[in-house]
C-alpha atoms as a PDB file:
ATOM      1  CA  MET A   1     106.414 100.674 117.656  1.00  0.00           C
ATOM      2  CA  PRO A   2     104.194 101.484 114.472  1.00  0.00           C
ATOM      3  CA  ARG A   3     105.982 101.490 111.128  1.00  0.00           C
ATOM      4  CA  THR A   4     106.634 104.983 109.950  1.00  0.00           C
ATOM      5  CA  ALA A   5     105.729 106.207 106.746  1.00  0.00           C
ATOM      6  CA  ALA A   6     106.439 109.429 104.623  1.00  0.00           C
ATOM      7  CA  ALA A   7     104.782 111.084 101.552  1.00  0.00           C
ATOM      8  CA  LEU A   8     106.396 112.969  98.779  1.00  0.00           C
ATOM      9  CA  ILE A   9     104.018 115.199  96.837  1.00  0.00           C
ATOM     10  CA  ILE A  10     105.395 116.066  93.358  1.00  0.00           C
ATOM     11  CA  GLY A  11     104.171 118.783  91.117  1.00  0.00           C
ATOM     12  CA  ASN A  12     104.575 122.374  90.160  1.00  0.00           C
ATOM     13  CA  GLU A  13     100.798 122.461  89.885  1.00  0.00           C
ATOM     14  CA  ILE A  14     100.573 122.121  93.541  1.00  0.00           C
ATOM     15  CA  LEU A  15     103.060 124.539  94.558  1.00  0.00           C
ATOM     16  CA  SER A  16     101.486 127.213  92.064  1.00  0.00           C
ATOM     17  CA  GLY A  17      98.128 126.438  93.420  1.00  0.00           C
ATOM     18  CA  LYS A  18      96.859 125.340  90.220  1.00  0.00           C
ATOM     19  CA  ILE A  19      95.608 122.279  91.447  1.00  0.00           C
ATOM     20  CA  ARG A  20      94.220 121.320  94.882  1.00  0.00           C
ATOM     21  CA  GLU A  21      96.076 118.954  96.540  1.00  0.00           C
ATOM     22  CA  ALA A  22      93.799 116.011  97.525  1.00  0.00           C
ATOM     23  CA  ASN A  23      95.815 112.695  97.958  1.00  0.00           C
ATOM     24  CA  LEU A  24      97.080 113.395 101.605  1.00  0.00           C
ATOM     25  CA  TYR A  25      93.945 112.956 103.432  1.00  0.00           C
ATOM     26  CA  VAL A  26      93.266 109.562 101.546  1.00  0.00           C
ATOM     27  CA  LEU A  27      96.804 108.310 102.410  1.00  0.00           C
ATOM     28  CA  ALA A  28      96.682 109.808 106.185  1.00  0.00           C
ATOM     29  CA  ARG A  29      93.317 107.668 106.672  1.00  0.00           C
ATOM     30  CA  GLU A  30      94.391 104.677 105.025  1.00  0.00           C
ATOM     31  CA  MET A  31      97.686 104.696 107.261  1.00  0.00           C
ATOM     32  CA  ARG A  32      95.602 104.912 110.482  1.00  0.00           C
ATOM     33  CA  LEU A  33      93.724 101.834 109.251  1.00  0.00           C
ATOM     34  CA  LEU A  34      96.821  99.710 108.717  1.00  0.00           C
ATOM     35  CA  GLY A  35      98.419 101.037 111.868  1.00  0.00           C
ATOM     36  CA  VAL A  36     101.091 103.059 110.095  1.00  0.00           C
ATOM     37  CA  ASN A  37     102.296 106.339 111.432  1.00  0.00           C
ATOM     38  CA  LEU A  38     102.575 108.900 108.647  1.00  0.00           C
ATOM     39  CA  CYS A  39     105.114 111.302 110.040  1.00  0.00           C
ATOM     40  CA  ARG A  40     106.101 113.496 107.407  1.00  0.00           C
ATOM     41  CA  VAL A  41     105.053 115.232 104.096  1.00  0.00           C
ATOM     42  CA  VAL A  42     106.984 117.053 101.711  1.00  0.00           C
ATOM     43  CA  VAL A  43     105.645 118.950  98.713  1.00  0.00           C
ATOM     44  CA  CYS A  44     108.576 119.590  95.723  1.00  0.00           C
ATOM     45  CA  SER A  45     108.645 120.904  92.262  1.00  0.00           C
ATOM     46  CA  ASP A  46     109.091 118.874  89.016  1.00  0.00           C
ATOM     47  CA  ASP A  47     112.760 118.831  89.367  1.00  0.00           C
ATOM     48  CA  VAL A  48     114.851 115.540  88.937  1.00  0.00           C
ATOM     49  CA  GLU A  49     117.375 116.614  91.429  1.00  0.00           C
ATOM     50  CA  THR A  50     115.156 118.083  94.003  1.00  0.00           C
ATOM     51  CA  ILE A  51     112.972 114.572  93.958  1.00  0.00           C
ATOM     52  CA  ALA A  52     115.809 112.398  93.904  1.00  0.00           C
ATOM     53  CA  ALA A  53     117.057 114.162  96.937  1.00  0.00           C
ATOM     54  CA  ASP A  54     113.849 114.421  98.609  1.00  0.00           C
ATOM     55  CA  VAL A  55     113.325 110.397  98.060  1.00  0.00           C
ATOM     56  CA  THR A  56     116.943 109.532  99.450  1.00  0.00           C
ATOM     57  CA  SER A  57     116.053 111.429 102.686  1.00  0.00           C
ATOM     58  CA  LEU A  58     112.589 110.213 103.142  1.00  0.00           C
ATOM     59  CA  ARG A  59     113.258 106.524 102.139  1.00  0.00           C
ATOM     60  CA  GLU A  60     116.157 106.203 104.324  1.00  0.00           C
ATOM     61  CA  SER A  61     114.333 107.959 107.562  1.00  0.00           C
ATOM     62  CA  HIS A  62     111.187 106.027 107.207  1.00  0.00           C
ATOM     63  CA  ASP A  63     109.983 102.513 106.714  1.00  0.00           C
ATOM     64  CA  ILE A  64     107.710 103.281 103.820  1.00  0.00           C
ATOM     65  CA  LEU A  65     107.824 106.384 101.354  1.00  0.00           C
ATOM     66  CA  PHE A  66     104.749 106.985  98.786  1.00  0.00           C
ATOM     67  CA  THR A  67     105.245 109.543  96.011  1.00  0.00           C
ATOM     68  CA  SER A  68     102.514 111.023  94.386  1.00  0.00           C
ATOM     69  CA  GLY A  69     102.524 112.670  91.002  1.00  0.00           C
ATOM     70  CA  GLY A  70     104.876 112.996  88.148  1.00  0.00           C
ATOM     71  CA  VAL A  71     104.419 109.551  86.290  1.00  0.00           C
ATOM     72  CA  GLY A  72     102.523 110.636  83.222  1.00  0.00           C
ATOM     73  CA  PRO A  73     103.560 110.692  79.460  1.00  0.00           C
ATOM     74  CA  THR A  74     104.993 114.639  79.191  1.00  0.00           C
ATOM     75  CA  HIS A  75     108.167 116.392  79.777  1.00  0.00           C
ATOM     76  CA  ASP A  76     107.640 117.183  83.316  1.00  0.00           C
ATOM     77  CA  ASP A  77     106.770 113.687  84.424  1.00  0.00           C
ATOM     78  CA  VAL A  78     110.179 112.843  86.003  1.00  0.00           C
ATOM     79  CA  THR A  79     109.292 110.886  89.083  1.00  0.00           C
ATOM     80  CA  LEU A  80     110.566 107.561  88.022  1.00  0.00           C
ATOM     81  CA  ALA A  81     113.931 109.073  86.714  1.00  0.00           C
ATOM     82  CA  ALA A  82     114.335 110.988  89.964  1.00  0.00           C
ATOM     83  CA  VAL A  83     113.599 107.532  91.851  1.00  0.00           C
ATOM     84  CA  ALA A  84     115.998 105.701  89.690  1.00  0.00           C
ATOM     85  CA  ARG A  85     118.659 108.435  90.434  1.00  0.00           C
ATOM     86  CA  SER A  86     118.134 107.825  94.171  1.00  0.00           C
ATOM     87  CA  PHE A  87     118.715 104.555  94.070  1.00  0.00           C
ATOM     88  CA  ASP A  88     121.886 104.848  91.471  1.00  0.00           C
ATOM     89  CA  ARG A  89     119.927 102.409  89.050  1.00  0.00           C
ATOM     90  CA  ALA A  90     119.515 102.740  85.319  1.00  0.00           C
ATOM     91  CA  LEU A  91     115.916 103.387  83.690  1.00  0.00           C
ATOM     92  CA  VAL A  92     114.660 100.320  81.827  1.00  0.00           C
ATOM     93  CA  ARG A  93     111.721  99.568  79.597  1.00  0.00           C
ATOM     94  CA  SER A  94     109.199  97.303  81.499  1.00  0.00           C
ATOM     95  CA  GLU A  95     107.843  94.587  78.879  1.00  0.00           C
ATOM     96  CA  PRO A  96     104.680  93.976  80.981  1.00  0.00           C
ATOM     97  CA  ILE A  97     103.704  97.799  81.172  1.00  0.00           C
ATOM     98  CA  GLU A  98     104.507  98.163  77.650  1.00  0.00           C
ATOM     99  CA  LYS A  99     102.366  95.290  76.441  1.00  0.00           C
ATOM    100  CA  LEU A 100      99.440  97.089  78.527  1.00  0.00           C
ATOM    101  CA  ILE A 101     100.062 100.126  76.966  1.00  0.00           C
ATOM    102  CA  ARG A 102     100.310  98.850  73.558  1.00  0.00           C
ATOM    103  CA  GLY A 103      97.142  96.885  74.223  1.00  0.00           C
ATOM    104  CA  TYR A 104      95.156  99.813  75.360  1.00  0.00           C
ATOM    105  CA  TRP A 105      96.212 102.412  73.038  1.00  0.00           C
ATOM    106  CA  GLY A 106      96.790 100.208  69.742  1.00  0.00           C
ATOM    107  CA  ASP A 107      97.865 102.042  66.542  1.00  0.00           C
ATOM    108  CA  ARG A 108      97.390 105.191  68.456  1.00  0.00           C
ATOM    109  CA  VAL A 109     100.267 104.804  70.834  1.00  0.00           C
ATOM    110  CA  THR A 110     103.217 107.395  71.043  1.00  0.00           C
ATOM    111  CA  GLU A 111     106.713 107.594  72.349  1.00  0.00           C
ATOM    112  CA  GLY A 112     104.799 109.550  75.021  1.00  0.00           C
ATOM    113  CA  HIS A 113     102.566 106.664  76.044  1.00  0.00           C
ATOM    114  CA  LEU A 114     105.757 104.441  75.840  1.00  0.00           C
ATOM    115  CA  ARG A 115     107.636 106.627  78.190  1.00  0.00           C
ATOM    116  CA  MET A 116     105.191 105.559  80.810  1.00  0.00           C
ATOM    117  CA  ALA A 117     106.733 101.977  80.485  1.00  0.00           C
ATOM    118  CA  THR A 118     110.255 103.276  81.833  1.00  0.00           C
ATOM    119  CA  VAL A 119     110.920 102.347  85.260  1.00  0.00           C
ATOM    120  CA  PRO A 120     113.968 101.919  87.456  1.00  0.00           C
ATOM    121  CA  GLU A 121     115.874  98.687  87.124  1.00  0.00           C
ATOM    122  CA  GLY A 122     115.159  95.973  89.587  1.00  0.00           C
ATOM    123  CA  ALA A 123     111.376  97.646  90.258  1.00  0.00           C
ATOM    124  CA  SER A 124     108.570  95.271  91.255  1.00  0.00           C
ATOM    125  CA  LEU A 125     105.009  95.611  89.897  1.00  0.00           C
ATOM    126  CA  ILE A 126     102.085  94.926  91.793  1.00  0.00           C
ATOM    127  CA  SER A 127      99.085  93.952  89.972  1.00  0.00           C
ATOM    128  CA  SER A 128      95.532  93.385  90.455  1.00  0.00           C
ATOM    129  CA  ASP A 129      92.525  92.181  88.189  1.00  0.00           C
ATOM    130  CA  ALA A 130      90.680  95.461  89.307  1.00  0.00           C
ATOM    131  CA  ILE A 131      93.060  97.915  88.111  1.00  0.00           C
ATOM    132  CA  ARG A 132      94.727  98.205  84.773  1.00  0.00           C
ATOM    133  CA  TRP A 133      98.002  99.842  85.465  1.00  0.00           C
ATOM    134  CA  PRO A 134     100.363  98.033  88.398  1.00  0.00           C
ATOM    135  CA  VAL A 135     101.970  99.956  91.186  1.00  0.00           C
ATOM    136  CA  ILE A 136     105.621 100.455  90.780  1.00  0.00           C
ATOM    137  CA  LEU A 137     107.706  99.762  93.850  1.00  0.00           C
ATOM    138  CA  VAL A 138     111.286 100.262  94.388  1.00  0.00           C
ATOM    139  CA  GLU A 139     112.259  98.533  97.551  1.00  0.00           C
ATOM    140  CA  ASN A 140     110.418 100.604 100.228  1.00  0.00           C
ATOM    141  CA  VAL A 141     109.353 103.442  97.796  1.00  0.00           C
ATOM    142  CA  TYR A 142     105.601 102.987  96.292  1.00  0.00           C
ATOM    143  CA  VAL A 143     105.303 105.338  93.179  1.00  0.00           C
ATOM    144  CA  LEU A 144     101.873 106.507  92.930  1.00  0.00           C
ATOM    145  CA  PRO A 145     100.267 108.755  90.372  1.00  0.00           C
ATOM    146  CA  GLY A 146      98.654 112.143  91.398  1.00  0.00           C
ATOM    147  CA  VAL A 147      95.275 111.775  89.838  1.00  0.00           C
ATOM    148  CA  PRO A 148      93.261 111.405  93.162  1.00  0.00           C
ATOM    149  CA  GLN A 149      90.912 108.810  91.974  1.00  0.00           C
ATOM    150  CA  ILE A 150      93.671 106.589  90.486  1.00  0.00           C
ATOM    151  CA  PHE A 151      95.903 107.304  93.595  1.00  0.00           C
ATOM    152  CA  GLU A 152      92.982 106.057  95.824  1.00  0.00           C
ATOM    153  CA  ALA A 153      92.309 102.876  93.890  1.00  0.00           C
ATOM    154  CA  LYS A 154      95.948 101.942  93.790  1.00  0.00           C
ATOM    155  CA  LEU A 155      96.458 102.749  97.587  1.00  0.00           C
ATOM    156  CA  ARG A 156      93.473 100.213  98.179  1.00  0.00           C
ATOM    157  CA  LEU A 157      95.411  97.682  96.167  1.00  0.00           C
ATOM    158  CA  LEU A 158      98.534  97.919  98.397  1.00  0.00           C
ATOM    159  CA  ARG A 159      96.410  96.874 101.719  1.00  0.00           C
ATOM    160  CA  ASP A 160      97.489  93.432 101.510  1.00  0.00           C
ATOM    161  CA  VAL A 161     101.022  94.216 100.394  1.00  0.00           C
ATOM    162  CA  ILE A 162     101.524  96.794 103.159  1.00  0.00           C
ATOM    163  CA  GLY A 163     100.085  94.456 105.659  1.00  0.00           C
ATOM    164  CA  ALA A 164      97.744  95.734 108.616  1.00  0.00           C
ATOM    165  CA  GLU A 165      99.231  95.739 112.021  1.00  0.00           C
ATOM    166  CA  THR A 166      97.304  96.998 115.049  1.00  0.00           C
ATOM    167  CA  PRO A 167      95.109  99.859 113.620  1.00  0.00           C
ATOM    168  CA  TYR A 168      94.833 103.302 115.446  1.00  0.00           C
ATOM    169  CA  VAL A 169      92.136 103.734 117.692  1.00  0.00           C
ATOM    170  CA  SER A 170      90.326 107.142 117.622  1.00  0.00           C
ATOM    171  CA  ARG A 171      87.828 108.764 119.959  1.00  0.00           C
ATOM    172  CA  ALA A 172      86.547 112.311 120.354  1.00  0.00           C
ATOM    173  CA  LEU A 173      84.775 114.550 122.427  1.00  0.00           C
ATOM    174  CA  TYR A 174      83.090 117.875 121.939  1.00  0.00           C
ATOM    175  CA  THR A 175      82.823 120.542 124.609  1.00  0.00           C
ATOM    176  CA  LEU A 176      81.439 124.019 124.917  1.00  0.00           C
ATOM    177  CA  SER A 177      84.896 125.293 126.839  1.00  0.00           C
ATOM    178  CA  ASP A 178      87.407 127.064 125.013  1.00  0.00           C
ATOM    179  CA  GLU A 179      90.767 125.900 124.402  1.00  0.00           C
ATOM    180  CA  GLY A 180      92.476 128.082 126.989  1.00  0.00           C
ATOM    181  CA  SER A 181      89.994 126.800 129.762  1.00  0.00           C
ATOM    182  CA  ILE A 182      90.878 122.908 129.037  1.00  0.00           C
ATOM    183  CA  ALA A 183      94.638 123.210 128.290  1.00  0.00           C
ATOM    184  CA  ALA A 184      95.803 122.102 131.465  1.00  0.00           C
ATOM    185  CA  VAL A 185      93.423 119.063 131.681  1.00  0.00           C
ATOM    186  CA  LEU A 186      94.560 117.976 128.180  1.00  0.00           C
ATOM    187  CA  GLU A 187      98.227 118.616 129.053  1.00  0.00           C
ATOM    188  CA  ALA A 188      98.057 116.456 132.291  1.00  0.00           C
ATOM    189  CA  ALA A 189      96.252 113.528 130.668  1.00  0.00           C
ATOM    190  CA  GLU A 190      98.882 113.240 127.698  1.00  0.00           C
ATOM    191  CA  ALA A 191     101.558 113.264 130.308  1.00  0.00           C
ATOM    192  CA  LYS A 192      99.773 110.561 132.161  1.00  0.00           C
ATOM    193  CA  HIS A 193      99.168 108.813 128.906  1.00  0.00           C
ATOM    194  CA  PRO A 194     102.060 109.278 126.646  1.00  0.00           C
ATOM    195  CA  SER A 195     100.941 106.697 124.125  1.00  0.00           C
ATOM    196  CA  VAL A 196      98.026 108.622 123.296  1.00  0.00           C
ATOM    197  CA  ALA A 197      98.162 111.663 120.988  1.00  0.00           C
ATOM    198  CA  ILE A 198      95.667 114.153 122.298  1.00  0.00           C
ATOM    199  CA  GLY A 199      94.599 116.924 119.857  1.00  0.00           C
ATOM    200  CA  SER A 200      92.218 120.227 120.336  1.00  0.00           C
ATOM    201  CA  TYR A 201      90.583 121.749 117.456  1.00  0.00           C
ATOM    202  CA  PRO A 202      88.443 124.880 117.973  1.00  0.00           C
ATOM    203  CA  ARG A 203      85.401 125.857 115.733  1.00  0.00           C
ATOM    204  CA  TRP A 204      84.774 129.326 115.693  1.00  0.00           C
ATOM    205  CA  ARG A 205      81.244 129.358 113.714  1.00  0.00           C
ATOM    206  CA  GLU A 206      80.092 125.972 115.253  1.00  0.00           C
ATOM    207  CA  GLU A 207      77.109 126.550 117.420  1.00  0.00           C
ATOM    208  CA  ARG A 208      76.826 123.109 118.701  1.00  0.00           C
ATOM    209  CA  TYR A 209      80.280 123.004 120.453  1.00  0.00           C
ATOM    210  CA  ARG A 210      83.632 125.069 120.677  1.00  0.00           C
ATOM    211  CA  VAL A 211      86.313 122.521 120.622  1.00  0.00           C
ATOM    212  CA  LYS A 212      86.710 118.946 119.483  1.00  0.00           C
ATOM    213  CA  VAL A 213      89.115 116.855 121.381  1.00  0.00           C
ATOM    214  CA  THR A 214      90.592 113.923 119.955  1.00  0.00           C
ATOM    215  CA  PHE A 215      92.389 110.877 121.317  1.00  0.00           C
ATOM    216  CA  ASP A 216      94.356 108.472 118.945  1.00  0.00           C
ATOM    217  CA  GLY A 217      96.498 105.559 119.855  1.00  0.00           C
ATOM    218  CA  LEU A 218      97.167 101.806 119.473  1.00  0.00           C
ATOM    219  CA  ASP A 219      95.925 100.592 122.793  1.00  0.00           C
ATOM    220  CA  PRO A 220      92.137 101.104 123.281  1.00  0.00           C
ATOM    221  CA  ALA A 221      92.373 100.847 126.837  1.00  0.00           C
ATOM    222  CA  GLU A 222      94.756 103.897 127.039  1.00  0.00           C
ATOM    223  CA  VAL A 223      92.601 105.833 124.680  1.00  0.00           C
ATOM    224  CA  ASP A 224      89.615 105.327 126.612  1.00  0.00           C
ATOM    225  CA  ALA A 225      91.412 106.096 129.996  1.00  0.00           C
ATOM    226  CA  ALA A 226      92.944 109.449 128.580  1.00  0.00           C
ATOM    227  CA  LEU A 227      89.265 109.963 127.194  1.00  0.00           C
ATOM    228  CA  ALA A 228      87.851 109.624 130.516  1.00  0.00           C
ATOM    229  CA  GLU A 229      90.433 111.811 132.442  1.00  0.00           C
ATOM    230  CA  CYS A 230      89.847 114.701 130.054  1.00  0.00           C
ATOM    231  CA  ARG A 231      86.058 114.297 130.425  1.00  0.00           C
ATOM    232  CA  ALA A 232      86.243 114.347 134.276  1.00  0.00           C
ATOM    233  CA  GLY A 233      88.682 117.347 134.051  1.00  0.00           C
ATOM    234  CA  ILE A 234      86.469 119.379 131.554  1.00  0.00           C
ATOM    235  CA  GLY A 235      82.936 118.310 133.739  1.00  0.00           C
ATOM    236  CA  GLU A 236      80.046 116.779 132.070  1.00  0.00           C
ATOM    237  CA  ASP A 237      78.044 120.233 132.058  1.00  0.00           C
ATOM    238  CA  ASP A 238      80.349 121.318 129.304  1.00  0.00           C
ATOM    239  CA  ILE A 239      80.535 118.335 127.274  1.00  0.00           C
ATOM    240  CA  VAL A 240      78.165 118.159 124.309  1.00  0.00           C
ATOM    241  CA  ASP A 241      78.952 114.696 122.997  1.00  0.00           C
ATOM    242  CA  VAL A 242      81.453 111.753 123.048  1.00  0.00           C
ATOM    243  CA  GLU A 243      82.098 109.353 119.956  1.00  0.00           C
END
């Protein structure tokens, strides 16, 4: 069985529509490459109690938890305090992070900047020469920033730490048939190949095809077999492309 992961997206700005969430797509694709099954995503406000409760629930029910957001220098950046509360740990000053902050800001450093050096007791720091700021890891919880460019860069840093197992294989076919016409074919194929996730996605304004059908699994032979069965059931005349 593949490892499971969950994501906790934190921020009032996401829930209020002030900022468009952009990290989930990147995380989902990265987990597929590593053979990890991203099972659940939760979005919550900048409230310590709420975040702590969600962290506890998600980390206990999944192999890996990623948090996004709430790690900056302002009053509403409370993710690390919430993670500490989830593990019933104290918050402590990280000397390596404080050194990085003082080295970067110099005599302009403020207490707000230094607040970012406060981490849950016993946290691990995952560093790289390519990225100035380390990733904070508490047991199976990876604490990541909400800024999309930094989130993606830090996520790449974690590839070797998380480790790749069997990556997911993805195939797709494009058909002129509508979903109602092919529903029975897809249902039969998924029943015959339960290890393959089959999804259908209609496109209303796409002239080239009407439905994209995707096939995802860890066994390439099973994925190909499910695709072949659907291809035969739909009929070549109604299939535009296969990839």
